[in-house]
Amino acid sequence: MKLVMLGAPGAGKGTQAKRIAAKYQIPHISTGDIFRANIKAGTELGMKAKSYMDQGQLVPDEVTIGMLLDRISQDDCAGGYVLDGFPRTIPQAESLTKALASRGEKLDYAVNVDVPDENIVTRMSGRRACLGCGATYHIVYNAPKKEGICDVCGEKLVLRDDDKPETVQKRLAVYHDQTQPLIDYYKQEGILAEVDGTQDMDKVFQDIVKILG
């Protein structure tokens, strides 16, 4: 089973991707993980990616796709995989479709976790992170026992810049501009599946499992 997870930042697609991977015993593959693994291993593509990242530039699609294809060629992907964070744009999606077709493969589903923008802003601005141990909380859904203090290590909790409403709005604008068209692309490909991401996380997961069978 080969899947792509779609959804705005903060829609919860990463959480669902991990759960799908665990249930179906397939790897959860995020581009961040692939970059880190290649850079650590000192691969040619990894070094290329690092040179762009060090200059604060986006890694070109051909480098990213090269690393991705290398990753999904590994033995643990024989039964499928869940892609999280890729593709982000139509050219990336087209390159992926083409690359898979050349190997006689295709994606089974593109699962879109659909959450309205206002829900995402509320959800993300309620997040709190511990700078000490990295634990994360939410003031409504997963509050610490003592307000503003980490349960695990007792350090102070902060609202990260990434989660501030104005930053979230900017990230959503980029998402709608670049990534939203992917929903139409995969709809045309006939593999789009949509779930209501405003529900409880367990319910979202159950809905996804129903679709995947």
N, C-alpha and C. Protein backbone atom coordinates (compact mmCIF):
# COMPACT_ATOMS: atom_id res chain seq x y z
N MET A 1 0.84 -1.20 0.00
CA MET A 1 0.00 0.00 0.00
C MET A 1 0.88 1.25 0.00
N LYS A 2 0.75 2.04 -1.06
CA LYS A 2 1.58 3.24 -1.19
C LYS A 2 0.70 4.48 -1.06
N LEU A 3 1.00 5.28 -0.05
CA LEU A 3 0.14 6.44 0.26
C LEU A 3 0.93 7.73 0.28
N VAL A 4 0.21 8.82 -0.01
CA VAL A 4 0.72 10.17 0.21
C VAL A 4 -0.25 10.82 1.19
N MET A 5 0.28 11.51 2.20
CA MET A 5 -0.57 12.25 3.14
C MET A 5 -0.60 13.72 2.74
N LEU A 6 -1.80 14.28 2.65
CA LEU A 6 -1.96 15.71 2.34
C LEU A 6 -2.68 16.39 3.49
N GLY A 7 -2.49 17.69 3.59
CA GLY A 7 -3.17 18.45 4.65
C GLY A 7 -2.35 19.66 5.01
N ALA A 8 -3.01 20.69 5.49
CA ALA A 8 -2.32 21.93 5.85
C ALA A 8 -1.42 21.70 7.06
N PRO A 9 -0.43 22.60 7.28
CA PRO A 9 0.39 22.47 8.49
C PRO A 9 -0.51 22.54 9.72
N GLY A 10 -0.36 21.60 10.63
CA GLY A 10 -1.18 21.58 11.83
C GLY A 10 -2.47 20.80 11.69
N ALA A 11 -2.68 20.18 10.50
CA ALA A 11 -3.92 19.39 10.30
C ALA A 11 -3.84 18.02 10.98
N GLY A 12 -2.63 17.64 11.38
CA GLY A 12 -2.47 16.36 12.07
C GLY A 12 -2.09 15.21 11.15
N LYS A 13 -1.62 15.55 9.94
CA LYS A 13 -1.32 14.47 8.99
C LYS A 13 -0.10 13.64 9.42
N GLY A 14 0.85 14.29 10.08
CA GLY A 14 2.04 13.55 10.55
C GLY A 14 1.67 12.50 11.58
N THR A 15 0.79 12.87 12.50
CA THR A 15 0.31 11.94 13.54
C THR A 15 -0.40 10.76 12.89
N GLN A 16 -1.27 11.05 11.93
CA GLN A 16 -2.02 9.98 11.26
C GLN A 16 -1.09 9.10 10.43
N ALA A 17 -0.09 9.72 9.79
CA ALA A 17 0.87 8.95 8.97
C ALA A 17 1.60 7.92 9.84
N LYS A 18 1.99 8.33 11.05
CA LYS A 18 2.69 7.41 11.97
C LYS A 18 1.78 6.26 12.37
N ARG A 19 0.51 6.57 12.63
CA ARG A 19 -0.43 5.52 13.04
C ARG A 19 -0.72 4.54 11.90
N ILE A 20 -0.83 5.07 10.69
CA ILE A 20 -1.04 4.21 9.52
C ILE A 20 0.16 3.28 9.35
N ALA A 21 1.35 3.87 9.46
CA ALA A 21 2.59 3.08 9.30
C ALA A 21 2.64 1.94 10.32
N ALA A 22 2.25 2.26 11.55
CA ALA A 22 2.28 1.23 12.61
C ALA A 22 1.25 0.14 12.35
N LYS A 23 0.04 0.54 11.97
CA LYS A 23 -1.03 -0.45 11.75
C LYS A 23 -0.74 -1.39 10.58
N TYR A 24 -0.28 -0.80 9.48
CA TYR A 24 -0.07 -1.61 8.26
C TYR A 24 1.37 -2.12 8.12
N GLN A 25 2.19 -1.78 9.14
CA GLN A 25 3.60 -2.20 9.17
C GLN A 25 4.35 -1.83 7.89
N ILE A 26 4.23 -0.55 7.55
CA ILE A 26 4.97 0.00 6.41
C ILE A 26 5.73 1.23 6.91
N PRO A 27 6.83 1.60 6.26
CA PRO A 27 7.60 2.75 6.75
C PRO A 27 6.87 4.09 6.59
N HIS A 28 7.07 4.96 7.57
CA HIS A 28 6.58 6.35 7.50
C HIS A 28 7.77 7.17 7.01
N ILE A 29 7.65 7.74 5.83
CA ILE A 29 8.80 8.42 5.22
C ILE A 29 8.53 9.92 5.12
N SER A 30 9.32 10.71 5.85
CA SER A 30 9.19 12.16 5.73
C SER A 30 10.46 12.69 5.06
N THR A 31 10.29 13.77 4.28
CA THR A 31 11.45 14.30 3.55
C THR A 31 12.54 14.76 4.53
N GLY A 32 12.13 15.31 5.67
CA GLY A 32 13.11 15.74 6.68
C GLY A 32 14.00 14.59 7.12
N ASP A 33 13.38 13.44 7.37
CA ASP A 33 14.14 12.25 7.79
C ASP A 33 15.10 11.80 6.69
N ILE A 34 14.62 11.84 5.43
CA ILE A 34 15.47 11.41 4.30
C ILE A 34 16.68 12.35 4.18
N PHE A 35 16.43 13.65 4.28
CA PHE A 35 17.53 14.61 4.21
C PHE A 35 18.56 14.32 5.30
N ARG A 36 18.08 14.18 6.53
CA ARG A 36 19.00 13.95 7.65
C ARG A 36 19.81 12.67 7.46
N ALA A 37 19.14 11.60 7.01
CA ALA A 37 19.81 10.31 6.83
C ALA A 37 20.90 10.40 5.75
N ASN A 38 20.59 11.07 4.64
CA ASN A 38 21.56 11.20 3.55
C ASN A 38 22.73 12.09 3.92
N ILE A 39 22.44 13.16 4.66
CA ILE A 39 23.51 14.07 5.08
C ILE A 39 24.43 13.35 6.08
N LYS A 40 23.82 12.61 7.00
CA LYS A 40 24.60 11.86 7.99
C LYS A 40 25.47 10.80 7.32
N ALA A 41 24.90 10.13 6.31
CA ALA A 41 25.64 9.06 5.62
C ALA A 41 26.66 9.63 4.62
N GLY A 42 26.57 10.94 4.37
CA GLY A 42 27.51 11.58 3.45
C GLY A 42 27.33 11.16 2.00
N THR A 43 26.08 10.82 1.61
CA THR A 43 25.84 10.42 0.22
C THR A 43 26.00 11.63 -0.70
N GLU A 44 26.18 11.35 -1.98
CA GLU A 44 26.36 12.42 -2.96
C GLU A 44 25.15 13.36 -2.96
N LEU A 45 23.94 12.76 -2.97
CA LEU A 45 22.71 13.58 -2.95
C LEU A 45 22.59 14.34 -1.63
N GLY A 46 22.98 13.69 -0.54
CA GLY A 46 22.94 14.33 0.77
C GLY A 46 23.83 15.56 0.83
N MET A 47 25.03 15.44 0.25
CA MET A 47 25.96 16.58 0.24
C MET A 47 25.42 17.72 -0.64
N LYS A 48 24.78 17.32 -1.76
CA LYS A 48 24.17 18.34 -2.64
C LYS A 48 23.08 19.08 -1.87
N ALA A 49 22.21 18.30 -1.20
CA ALA A 49 21.12 18.91 -0.43
C ALA A 49 21.66 19.85 0.63
N LYS A 50 22.72 19.41 1.32
CA LYS A 50 23.30 20.20 2.41
C LYS A 50 23.83 21.54 1.89
N SER A 51 24.44 21.51 0.69
CA SER A 51 25.00 22.75 0.15
C SER A 51 23.90 23.79 -0.08
N TYR A 52 22.72 23.33 -0.50
CA TYR A 52 21.59 24.27 -0.68
C TYR A 52 21.05 24.72 0.67
N MET A 53 20.89 23.75 1.59
CA MET A 53 20.32 24.08 2.91
C MET A 53 21.22 25.05 3.67
N ASP A 54 22.53 24.85 3.55
CA ASP A 54 23.48 25.74 4.25
C ASP A 54 23.38 27.18 3.77
N GLN A 55 22.94 27.34 2.52
CA GLN A 55 22.78 28.70 1.98
C GLN A 55 21.36 29.23 2.19
N GLY A 56 20.55 28.42 2.90
CA GLY A 56 19.16 28.83 3.16
C GLY A 56 18.27 28.73 1.94
N GLN A 57 18.70 27.90 0.95
CA GLN A 57 17.90 27.76 -0.27
C GLN A 57 17.11 26.46 -0.23
N LEU A 58 16.05 26.41 -1.05
CA LEU A 58 15.27 25.17 -1.16
C LEU A 58 16.07 24.14 -1.94
N VAL A 59 15.97 22.89 -1.52
CA VAL A 59 16.65 21.82 -2.24
C VAL A 59 15.89 21.57 -3.54
N PRO A 60 16.59 21.55 -4.71
CA PRO A 60 15.88 21.35 -5.98
C PRO A 60 15.14 20.01 -6.02
N ASP A 61 14.04 20.00 -6.78
CA ASP A 61 13.19 18.81 -6.85
C ASP A 61 13.95 17.55 -7.25
N GLU A 62 14.88 17.69 -8.25
CA GLU A 62 15.54 16.46 -8.72
C GLU A 62 16.40 15.81 -7.63
N VAL A 63 16.96 16.64 -6.74
CA VAL A 63 17.77 16.10 -5.64
C VAL A 63 16.84 15.40 -4.64
N THR A 64 15.74 16.07 -4.29
CA THR A 64 14.78 15.49 -3.34
C THR A 64 14.21 14.18 -3.88
N ILE A 65 13.81 14.19 -5.15
CA ILE A 65 13.21 12.99 -5.75
C ILE A 65 14.23 11.86 -5.83
N GLY A 66 15.49 12.22 -6.14
CA GLY A 66 16.56 11.21 -6.18
C GLY A 66 16.67 10.49 -4.84
N MET A 67 16.67 11.26 -3.76
CA MET A 67 16.77 10.69 -2.41
C MET A 67 15.53 9.86 -2.07
N LEU A 68 14.37 10.37 -2.48
CA LEU A 68 13.12 9.68 -2.18
C LEU A 68 13.06 8.32 -2.90
N LEU A 69 13.43 8.31 -4.18
CA LEU A 69 13.40 7.06 -4.94
C LEU A 69 14.38 6.04 -4.37
N ASP A 70 15.52 6.56 -3.93
CA ASP A 70 16.52 5.69 -3.31
C ASP A 70 15.93 5.06 -2.03
N ARG A 71 15.20 5.88 -1.26
CA ARG A 71 14.61 5.39 0.01
C ARG A 71 13.52 4.34 -0.25
N ILE A 72 12.65 4.60 -1.24
CA ILE A 72 11.54 3.65 -1.45
C ILE A 72 11.98 2.40 -2.22
N SER A 73 13.26 2.38 -2.64
CA SER A 73 13.80 1.17 -3.28
C SER A 73 14.30 0.18 -2.23
N GLN A 74 14.39 0.63 -0.99
CA GLN A 74 14.93 -0.25 0.06
C GLN A 74 13.94 -1.35 0.43
N ASP A 75 14.50 -2.44 0.95
CA ASP A 75 13.71 -3.65 1.21
C ASP A 75 12.48 -3.42 2.08
N ASP A 76 12.59 -2.51 3.07
CA ASP A 76 11.46 -2.32 4.00
C ASP A 76 10.26 -1.66 3.32
N CYS A 77 10.45 -1.17 2.08
CA CYS A 77 9.34 -0.53 1.36
C CYS A 77 8.64 -1.48 0.39
N ALA A 78 9.05 -2.74 0.40
CA ALA A 78 8.48 -3.72 -0.55
C ALA A 78 6.96 -3.82 -0.40
N GLY A 79 6.45 -3.68 0.84
CA GLY A 79 5.01 -3.79 1.07
C GLY A 79 4.29 -2.46 1.02
N GLY A 80 5.01 -1.37 0.70
CA GLY A 80 4.41 -0.04 0.63
C GLY A 80 5.05 0.93 1.60
N TYR A 81 4.47 2.14 1.68
CA TYR A 81 5.03 3.20 2.53
C TYR A 81 4.02 4.34 2.62
N VAL A 82 4.24 5.21 3.59
CA VAL A 82 3.43 6.43 3.75
C VAL A 82 4.36 7.62 3.56
N LEU A 83 4.10 8.44 2.55
CA LEU A 83 4.90 9.65 2.32
C LEU A 83 4.26 10.83 3.03
N ASP A 84 5.08 11.54 3.81
CA ASP A 84 4.58 12.64 4.63
C ASP A 84 5.44 13.87 4.34
N GLY A 85 4.84 14.91 3.76
CA GLY A 85 5.60 16.13 3.48
C GLY A 85 6.14 16.17 2.06
N PHE A 86 5.79 15.19 1.25
CA PHE A 86 6.19 15.16 -0.15
C PHE A 86 5.14 14.37 -0.91
N PRO A 87 4.72 14.80 -2.09
CA PRO A 87 5.09 16.04 -2.76
C PRO A 87 4.39 17.26 -2.14
N ARG A 88 5.00 18.42 -2.38
CA ARG A 88 4.41 19.68 -1.89
C ARG A 88 3.88 20.53 -3.03
N THR A 89 4.34 20.24 -4.24
CA THR A 89 3.93 21.05 -5.39
C THR A 89 3.54 20.13 -6.55
N ILE A 90 2.84 20.71 -7.54
CA ILE A 90 2.43 19.93 -8.72
C ILE A 90 3.65 19.35 -9.46
N PRO A 91 4.71 20.15 -9.74
CA PRO A 91 5.86 19.55 -10.43
C PRO A 91 6.44 18.35 -9.68
N GLN A 92 6.48 18.43 -8.33
CA GLN A 92 6.97 17.30 -7.55
C GLN A 92 6.06 16.09 -7.71
N ALA A 93 4.75 16.33 -7.68
CA ALA A 93 3.78 15.23 -7.82
C ALA A 93 3.92 14.57 -9.19
N GLU A 94 4.07 15.40 -10.22
CA GLU A 94 4.21 14.86 -11.58
C GLU A 94 5.49 14.05 -11.72
N SER A 95 6.58 14.57 -11.13
CA SER A 95 7.86 13.84 -11.17
C SER A 95 7.75 12.50 -10.46
N LEU A 96 7.05 12.50 -9.33
CA LEU A 96 6.88 11.26 -8.57
C LEU A 96 6.06 10.24 -9.36
N THR A 97 4.94 10.71 -9.94
CA THR A 97 4.09 9.82 -10.74
C THR A 97 4.90 9.19 -11.87
N LYS A 98 5.68 10.03 -12.54
CA LYS A 98 6.50 9.59 -13.68
C LYS A 98 7.56 8.58 -13.23
N ALA A 99 8.24 8.92 -12.12
CA ALA A 99 9.31 8.04 -11.62
C ALA A 99 8.75 6.68 -11.19
N LEU A 100 7.60 6.68 -10.54
CA LEU A 100 6.98 5.42 -10.12
C LEU A 100 6.53 4.61 -11.35
N ALA A 101 5.95 5.31 -12.33
CA ALA A 101 5.48 4.63 -13.55
C ALA A 101 6.63 3.93 -14.26
N SER A 102 7.81 4.56 -14.24
CA SER A 102 8.96 3.96 -14.93
C SER A 102 9.40 2.66 -14.24
N ARG A 103 8.95 2.48 -13.00
CA ARG A 103 9.25 1.24 -12.27
C ARG A 103 8.04 0.30 -12.24
N GLY A 104 7.00 0.67 -13.00
CA GLY A 104 5.79 -0.16 -13.03
C GLY A 104 4.98 -0.06 -11.75
N GLU A 105 5.11 1.08 -11.05
CA GLU A 105 4.42 1.27 -9.77
C GLU A 105 3.55 2.53 -9.83
N LYS A 106 2.61 2.61 -8.86
CA LYS A 106 1.83 3.85 -8.72
C LYS A 106 1.34 3.96 -7.28
N LEU A 107 0.91 5.17 -6.93
CA LEU A 107 0.36 5.38 -5.59
C LEU A 107 -1.05 4.77 -5.52
N ASP A 108 -1.42 4.27 -4.34
CA ASP A 108 -2.77 3.73 -4.16
C ASP A 108 -3.75 4.82 -3.71
N TYR A 109 -3.28 5.67 -2.78
CA TYR A 109 -4.16 6.72 -2.25
C TYR A 109 -3.38 7.99 -1.93
N ALA A 110 -4.06 9.12 -2.08
CA ALA A 110 -3.58 10.39 -1.51
C ALA A 110 -4.64 10.76 -0.48
N VAL A 111 -4.29 10.71 0.79
CA VAL A 111 -5.25 10.94 1.87
C VAL A 111 -5.14 12.39 2.34
N ASN A 112 -6.22 13.15 2.17
CA ASN A 112 -6.22 14.56 2.59
C ASN A 112 -6.94 14.71 3.93
N VAL A 113 -6.19 15.16 4.94
CA VAL A 113 -6.78 15.45 6.26
C VAL A 113 -7.24 16.90 6.22
N ASP A 114 -8.56 17.07 6.08
CA ASP A 114 -9.13 18.39 5.80
C ASP A 114 -9.52 19.12 7.09
N VAL A 115 -8.90 20.28 7.32
CA VAL A 115 -9.21 21.10 8.50
C VAL A 115 -9.28 22.56 8.07
N PRO A 116 -10.38 23.29 8.38
CA PRO A 116 -10.47 24.71 8.00
C PRO A 116 -9.37 25.54 8.66
N ASP A 117 -8.98 26.62 7.98
CA ASP A 117 -7.88 27.47 8.48
C ASP A 117 -8.09 27.95 9.91
N GLU A 118 -9.33 28.40 10.21
CA GLU A 118 -9.55 28.98 11.56
C GLU A 118 -9.31 27.93 12.66
N ASN A 119 -9.66 26.67 12.36
CA ASN A 119 -9.40 25.60 13.34
C ASN A 119 -7.90 25.40 13.55
N ILE A 120 -7.16 25.50 12.44
CA ILE A 120 -5.71 25.29 12.52
C ILE A 120 -5.05 26.39 13.33
N VAL A 121 -5.47 27.64 13.10
CA VAL A 121 -4.88 28.76 13.85
C VAL A 121 -5.13 28.57 15.35
N THR A 122 -6.37 28.21 15.71
CA THR A 122 -6.70 27.97 17.13
C THR A 122 -5.88 26.81 17.69
N ARG A 123 -5.82 25.74 16.91
CA ARG A 123 -5.12 24.53 17.34
C ARG A 123 -3.63 24.80 17.59
N MET A 124 -2.99 25.49 16.62
CA MET A 124 -1.55 25.68 16.73
C MET A 124 -1.17 26.76 17.74
N SER A 125 -2.03 27.78 17.88
CA SER A 125 -1.67 28.82 18.86
C SER A 125 -1.86 28.31 20.29
N GLY A 126 -2.50 27.16 20.44
CA GLY A 126 -2.63 26.55 21.77
C GLY A 126 -1.50 25.59 22.11
N ARG A 127 -0.59 25.38 21.15
CA ARG A 127 0.53 24.47 21.41
C ARG A 127 1.55 25.12 22.33
N ARG A 128 2.15 24.31 23.17
CA ARG A 128 3.26 24.79 24.01
C ARG A 128 4.38 23.75 23.96
N ALA A 129 5.61 24.23 23.90
CA ALA A 129 6.75 23.32 23.81
C ALA A 129 7.69 23.54 24.97
N CYS A 130 8.34 22.46 25.41
CA CYS A 130 9.33 22.55 26.48
C CYS A 130 10.71 22.68 25.83
N LEU A 131 11.41 23.73 26.19
CA LEU A 131 12.74 23.94 25.61
C LEU A 131 13.76 22.99 26.25
N GLY A 132 13.39 22.45 27.43
CA GLY A 132 14.31 21.54 28.12
C GLY A 132 14.38 20.17 27.47
N CYS A 133 13.22 19.49 27.36
CA CYS A 133 13.25 18.10 26.87
C CYS A 133 12.53 17.89 25.55
N GLY A 134 11.90 18.97 25.02
CA GLY A 134 11.25 18.86 23.71
C GLY A 134 9.81 18.34 23.75
N ALA A 135 9.28 18.07 24.96
CA ALA A 135 7.89 17.59 25.07
C ALA A 135 6.93 18.67 24.57
N THR A 136 5.81 18.25 23.99
CA THR A 136 4.84 19.24 23.50
C THR A 136 3.48 19.04 24.18
N TYR A 137 2.77 20.15 24.34
CA TYR A 137 1.47 20.15 25.02
C TYR A 137 0.50 20.99 24.23
N HIS A 138 -0.76 20.94 24.64
CA HIS A 138 -1.76 21.86 24.08
C HIS A 138 -2.63 22.32 25.23
N ILE A 139 -2.85 23.65 25.31
CA ILE A 139 -3.54 24.19 26.48
C ILE A 139 -4.97 23.67 26.62
N VAL A 140 -5.58 23.19 25.51
CA VAL A 140 -6.94 22.65 25.58
C VAL A 140 -6.92 21.12 25.55
N TYR A 141 -6.22 20.55 24.55
CA TYR A 141 -6.33 19.11 24.29
C TYR A 141 -5.35 18.25 25.09
N ASN A 142 -4.23 18.84 25.51
CA ASN A 142 -3.22 18.04 26.20
C ASN A 142 -2.46 18.95 27.16
N ALA A 143 -3.19 19.49 28.14
CA ALA A 143 -2.62 20.50 29.03
C ALA A 143 -1.64 19.87 30.02
N PRO A 144 -0.58 20.62 30.38
CA PRO A 144 0.32 20.12 31.43
C PRO A 144 -0.39 20.13 32.78
N LYS A 145 0.08 19.33 33.72
CA LYS A 145 -0.56 19.27 35.05
C LYS A 145 -0.51 20.64 35.74
N LYS A 146 0.64 21.32 35.57
CA LYS A 146 0.79 22.66 36.16
C LYS A 146 0.97 23.65 35.01
N GLU A 147 0.13 24.67 34.99
CA GLU A 147 0.14 25.61 33.86
C GLU A 147 1.53 26.18 33.58
N GLY A 148 1.96 26.06 32.31
CA GLY A 148 3.24 26.66 31.89
C GLY A 148 4.48 25.89 32.28
N ILE A 149 4.30 24.71 32.91
CA ILE A 149 5.46 23.93 33.37
C ILE A 149 5.39 22.51 32.78
N CYS A 150 6.54 22.03 32.29
CA CYS A 150 6.61 20.70 31.69
C CYS A 150 6.45 19.60 32.74
N ASP A 151 5.54 18.64 32.45
CA ASP A 151 5.33 17.49 33.35
C ASP A 151 6.60 16.65 33.48
N VAL A 152 7.35 16.57 32.38
CA VAL A 152 8.47 15.63 32.31
C VAL A 152 9.69 16.14 33.07
N CYS A 153 10.10 17.41 32.76
CA CYS A 153 11.36 17.88 33.35
C CYS A 153 11.25 19.15 34.20
N GLY A 154 10.02 19.71 34.26
CA GLY A 154 9.83 20.88 35.14
C GLY A 154 10.28 22.21 34.56
N GLU A 155 10.73 22.19 33.28
CA GLU A 155 11.14 23.45 32.64
C GLU A 155 9.90 24.25 32.21
N LYS A 156 10.16 25.53 31.86
CA LYS A 156 9.07 26.42 31.44
C LYS A 156 8.62 26.08 30.01
N LEU A 157 7.31 26.16 29.75
CA LEU A 157 6.77 25.91 28.41
C LEU A 157 6.64 27.23 27.65
N VAL A 158 6.88 27.17 26.33
CA VAL A 158 6.80 28.39 25.52
C VAL A 158 5.92 28.17 24.29
N LEU A 159 5.41 29.28 23.76
CA LEU A 159 4.71 29.26 22.47
C LEU A 159 5.78 29.53 21.42
N ARG A 160 6.07 28.52 20.59
CA ARG A 160 7.13 28.69 19.60
C ARG A 160 6.71 29.70 18.52
N ASP A 161 7.71 30.38 17.95
CA ASP A 161 7.43 31.37 16.89
C ASP A 161 6.60 30.75 15.76
N ASP A 162 6.93 29.50 15.43
CA ASP A 162 6.23 28.76 14.37
C ASP A 162 4.73 28.64 14.62
N ASP A 163 4.35 28.64 15.91
CA ASP A 163 2.95 28.41 16.27
C ASP A 163 2.17 29.70 16.56
N LYS A 164 2.84 30.85 16.44
CA LYS A 164 2.14 32.12 16.68
C LYS A 164 1.15 32.37 15.54
N PRO A 165 -0.05 32.91 15.86
CA PRO A 165 -1.10 33.07 14.84
C PRO A 165 -0.62 33.70 13.53
N GLU A 166 0.20 34.79 13.64
CA GLU A 166 0.61 35.47 12.39
C GLU A 166 1.52 34.56 11.53
N THR A 167 2.36 33.74 12.19
CA THR A 167 3.23 32.81 11.44
C THR A 167 2.40 31.71 10.82
N VAL A 168 1.43 31.22 11.58
CA VAL A 168 0.56 30.14 11.07
C VAL A 168 -0.20 30.62 9.84
N GLN A 169 -0.69 31.87 9.89
CA GLN A 169 -1.42 32.43 8.74
C GLN A 169 -0.53 32.46 7.50
N LYS A 170 0.75 32.84 7.70
CA LYS A 170 1.70 32.90 6.57
C LYS A 170 1.92 31.50 6.00
N ARG A 171 2.10 30.52 6.90
CA ARG A 171 2.34 29.14 6.45
C ARG A 171 1.12 28.60 5.71
N LEU A 172 -0.07 28.98 6.17
CA LEU A 172 -1.29 28.53 5.49
C LEU A 172 -1.42 29.16 4.10
N ALA A 173 -0.99 30.43 3.99
CA ALA A 173 -1.05 31.10 2.68
C ALA A 173 -0.15 30.38 1.68
N VAL A 174 1.05 30.00 2.12
CA VAL A 174 1.99 29.26 1.26
C VAL A 174 1.37 27.90 0.89
N TYR A 175 0.76 27.26 1.88
CA TYR A 175 0.14 25.95 1.64
C TYR A 175 -0.95 26.05 0.57
N HIS A 176 -1.83 27.03 0.70
CA HIS A 176 -2.94 27.18 -0.25
C HIS A 176 -2.43 27.49 -1.65
N ASP A 177 -1.36 28.26 -1.70
CA ASP A 177 -0.80 28.66 -2.98
C ASP A 177 -0.13 27.46 -3.68
N GLN A 178 0.69 26.71 -2.92
CA GLN A 178 1.52 25.67 -3.54
C GLN A 178 0.91 24.28 -3.47
N THR A 179 0.39 23.93 -2.30
CA THR A 179 0.06 22.53 -2.04
C THR A 179 -1.40 22.18 -2.26
N GLN A 180 -2.29 23.14 -2.04
CA GLN A 180 -3.72 22.89 -2.26
C GLN A 180 -4.00 22.33 -3.66
N PRO A 181 -3.32 22.85 -4.73
CA PRO A 181 -3.57 22.29 -6.06
C PRO A 181 -3.33 20.78 -6.17
N LEU A 182 -2.52 20.24 -5.25
CA LEU A 182 -2.28 18.78 -5.26
C LEU A 182 -3.58 18.00 -5.05
N ILE A 183 -4.50 18.60 -4.29
CA ILE A 183 -5.77 17.92 -4.02
C ILE A 183 -6.52 17.71 -5.34
N ASP A 184 -6.52 18.74 -6.18
CA ASP A 184 -7.15 18.62 -7.51
C ASP A 184 -6.40 17.62 -8.39
N TYR A 185 -5.07 17.68 -8.29
CA TYR A 185 -4.23 16.77 -9.10
C TYR A 185 -4.56 15.31 -8.79
N TYR A 186 -4.59 14.98 -7.50
CA TYR A 186 -4.84 13.58 -7.12
C TYR A 186 -6.31 13.18 -7.31
N LYS A 187 -7.19 14.19 -7.30
CA LYS A 187 -8.61 13.92 -7.59
C LYS A 187 -8.72 13.47 -9.06
N GLN A 188 -8.00 14.17 -9.92
CA GLN A 188 -7.99 13.81 -11.35
C GLN A 188 -7.36 12.43 -11.58
N GLU A 189 -6.37 12.13 -10.74
CA GLU A 189 -5.71 10.81 -10.86
C GLU A 189 -6.63 9.69 -10.34
N GLY A 190 -7.70 10.11 -9.63
CA GLY A 190 -8.67 9.14 -9.14
C GLY A 190 -8.26 8.41 -7.86
N ILE A 191 -7.31 9.01 -7.11
CA ILE A 191 -6.85 8.31 -5.89
C ILE A 191 -7.02 9.16 -4.62
N LEU A 192 -7.74 10.30 -4.75
CA LEU A 192 -7.90 11.17 -3.57
C LEU A 192 -8.93 10.60 -2.60
N ALA A 193 -8.57 10.57 -1.33
CA ALA A 193 -9.51 10.21 -0.26
C ALA A 193 -9.47 11.33 0.78
N GLU A 194 -10.65 11.85 1.17
CA GLU A 194 -10.67 12.97 2.12
C GLU A 194 -11.31 12.56 3.44
N VAL A 195 -10.71 13.02 4.53
CA VAL A 195 -11.29 12.77 5.86
C VAL A 195 -11.42 14.09 6.60
N ASP A 196 -12.42 14.16 7.48
CA ASP A 196 -12.68 15.36 8.28
C ASP A 196 -11.69 15.40 9.45
N GLY A 197 -10.70 16.30 9.33
CA GLY A 197 -9.65 16.37 10.35
C GLY A 197 -10.02 17.15 11.59
N THR A 198 -11.28 17.68 11.64
CA THR A 198 -11.68 18.44 12.84
C THR A 198 -12.15 17.50 13.94
N GLN A 199 -12.33 16.22 13.60
CA GLN A 199 -12.82 15.26 14.59
C GLN A 199 -11.70 14.86 15.56
N ASP A 200 -12.08 14.10 16.56
CA ASP A 200 -11.12 13.52 17.48
C ASP A 200 -10.10 12.69 16.68
N MET A 201 -8.82 12.70 17.12
CA MET A 201 -7.75 12.02 16.38
C MET A 201 -8.04 10.54 16.13
N ASP A 202 -8.64 9.88 17.12
CA ASP A 202 -8.96 8.45 16.96
C ASP A 202 -10.02 8.24 15.88
N LYS A 203 -10.99 9.16 15.84
CA LYS A 203 -12.07 9.07 14.84
C LYS A 203 -11.50 9.30 13.42
N VAL A 204 -10.59 10.28 13.31
CA VAL A 204 -9.94 10.54 12.02
C VAL A 204 -9.23 9.27 11.55
N PHE A 205 -8.51 8.64 12.48
CA PHE A 205 -7.77 7.41 12.14
C PHE A 205 -8.72 6.29 11.70
N GLN A 206 -9.83 6.14 12.42
CA GLN A 206 -10.82 5.11 12.05
C GLN A 206 -11.35 5.36 10.64
N ASP A 207 -11.60 6.64 10.31
CA ASP A 207 -12.11 6.98 8.98
C ASP A 207 -11.09 6.63 7.89
N ILE A 208 -9.82 6.87 8.19
CA ILE A 208 -8.76 6.54 7.23
C ILE A 208 -8.68 5.03 7.02
N VAL A 209 -8.75 4.28 8.14
CA VAL A 209 -8.68 2.81 8.06
C VAL A 209 -9.84 2.25 7.22
N LYS A 210 -11.02 2.86 7.38
CA LYS A 210 -12.19 2.43 6.60
C LYS A 210 -11.90 2.57 5.09
N ILE A 211 -11.26 3.67 4.73
CA ILE A 211 -10.94 3.93 3.32
C ILE A 211 -9.89 2.94 2.82
N LEU A 212 -8.86 2.73 3.62
CA LEU A 212 -7.75 1.87 3.19
C LEU A 212 -8.14 0.39 3.20
N GLY A 213 -9.04 0.04 4.10
CA GLY A 213 -9.53 -1.35 4.18
C GLY A 213 -8.53 -2.31 4.79
